[in-house]
Amino acid sequence: MTDTNTGSTIRFTNDEQRKVFQLKMALGVLESEVINTMGIRFYRGSIINVLKRYFPDLPRTKRSAYKYLKHFLIFLELKDQLTSILNKKGFIL
């Protein structure tokens, strides 16, 4: 993934970078939608369907999916691991 210093374009050099970025963004969206009390959606499609690609046993509702991921400490650990992986490779999000 490269930064063009314009802040508007993200380019990926391989599919692994794209998957890591998508997963990190999906986890952030899920957290935002669950914590938000105003009912605002941050993703037009189903964030659960995106996350089910990575976690097939994920519950159907956002709140229970968030609790499921948080219960097993996957949510915070993955978010931190993904950030550290990206930082090690020179990517700052």
Protein backbone atom coordinates (compact mmCIF):
# COMPACT_ATOMS: atom_id res chain seq x y z
CA MET A 1 0.00 0.00 0.00
CA THR A 2 1.41 3.37 -0.91
CA ASP A 3 0.48 6.87 0.06
CA THR A 4 0.52 9.57 -2.58
CA ASN A 5 0.67 12.34 0.07
CA THR A 6 -2.65 13.70 -1.17
CA GLY A 7 -4.66 11.82 1.44
CA SER A 8 -7.23 10.76 -1.14
CA THR A 9 -5.73 7.66 -2.76
CA ILE A 10 -4.71 4.35 -1.27
CA ARG A 11 -2.90 1.91 -3.50
CA PHE A 12 -2.30 -1.69 -2.56
CA THR A 13 0.67 -3.62 -3.87
CA ASN A 14 -0.83 -7.05 -3.11
CA ASP A 15 -4.04 -8.78 -2.05
CA GLU A 16 -2.82 -9.35 1.52
CA GLN A 17 -2.64 -5.59 2.11
CA ARG A 18 -6.14 -5.20 0.68
CA LYS A 19 -7.53 -7.92 2.99
CA VAL A 20 -5.84 -6.49 6.08
CA PHE A 21 -7.16 -3.03 5.28
CA GLN A 22 -10.69 -4.32 4.62
CA LEU A 23 -10.76 -6.30 7.87
CA LYS A 24 -9.46 -3.37 9.91
CA MET A 25 -12.05 -1.02 8.40
CA ALA A 26 -14.87 -3.57 8.88
CA LEU A 27 -13.99 -4.00 12.57
CA GLY A 28 -13.95 -0.23 13.02
CA VAL A 29 -17.32 0.14 11.30
CA LEU A 30 -18.87 -2.61 13.43
CA GLU A 31 -17.62 -0.96 16.60
CA SER A 32 -18.91 2.46 15.48
CA GLU A 33 -22.34 1.15 14.53
CA VAL A 34 -22.78 -0.78 17.78
CA ILE A 35 -21.57 2.01 20.07
CA ASN A 36 -23.51 4.73 18.23
CA THR A 37 -26.88 5.33 19.89
CA MET A 38 -28.32 7.50 17.09
CA GLY A 39 -28.90 4.60 14.68
CA ILE A 40 -26.47 5.93 12.08
CA ARG A 41 -25.04 3.35 9.70
CA PHE A 42 -21.48 3.79 8.55
CA TYR A 43 -21.56 1.12 5.85
CA ARG A 44 -24.21 0.87 3.17
CA GLY A 45 -24.18 -2.92 2.91
CA SER A 46 -24.17 -5.54 5.62
CA ILE A 47 -21.05 -5.26 7.74
CA ILE A 48 -21.88 -8.67 9.19
CA ASN A 49 -21.62 -10.28 5.73
CA VAL A 50 -18.19 -8.71 5.22
CA LEU A 51 -16.98 -9.98 8.61
CA LYS A 52 -18.44 -13.47 8.01
CA ARG A 53 -15.78 -13.94 5.32
CA TYR A 54 -13.23 -13.91 8.14
CA PHE A 55 -15.37 -15.27 11.00
CA PRO A 56 -17.91 -17.81 9.61
CA ASP A 57 -19.52 -18.49 13.04
CA LEU A 58 -20.34 -14.82 13.64
CA PRO A 59 -23.85 -14.15 15.04
CA ARG A 60 -26.40 -12.40 12.80
CA THR A 61 -26.92 -9.13 14.64
CA LYS A 62 -24.34 -6.37 14.98
CA ARG A 63 -24.55 -6.18 18.74
CA SER A 64 -24.19 -9.93 19.26
CA ALA A 65 -21.38 -10.07 16.67
CA TYR A 66 -19.58 -7.29 18.54
CA LYS A 67 -20.06 -9.11 21.86
CA TYR A 68 -18.89 -12.36 20.27
CA LEU A 69 -15.70 -10.80 18.94
CA LYS A 70 -15.09 -8.85 22.12
CA HIS A 71 -15.73 -11.89 24.32
CA PHE A 72 -12.95 -13.85 22.66
CA LEU A 73 -10.70 -10.76 22.64
CA ILE A 74 -10.44 -11.11 18.91
CA PHE A 75 -11.71 -7.63 18.24
CA LEU A 76 -9.12 -5.63 20.17
CA GLU A 77 -6.24 -8.02 19.53
CA LEU A 78 -6.84 -8.12 15.80
CA LYS A 79 -7.20 -4.37 15.59
CA ASP A 80 -3.90 -3.88 17.45
CA GLN A 81 -2.15 -6.65 15.50
CA LEU A 82 -3.32 -5.25 12.18
CA THR A 83 -2.15 -1.77 13.15
CA SER A 84 1.26 -3.08 14.20
CA ILE A 85 1.59 -5.16 11.01
CA LEU A 86 0.75 -2.14 8.90
CA ASN A 87 3.09 0.11 10.88
CA LYS A 88 5.95 -2.39 10.52
CA LYS A 89 5.45 -2.40 6.77
CA GLY A 90 5.50 1.40 6.72
CA PHE A 91 1.77 2.08 6.40
CA ILE A 92 0.09 4.60 8.62
CA LEU A 93 -3.71 4.73 8.72
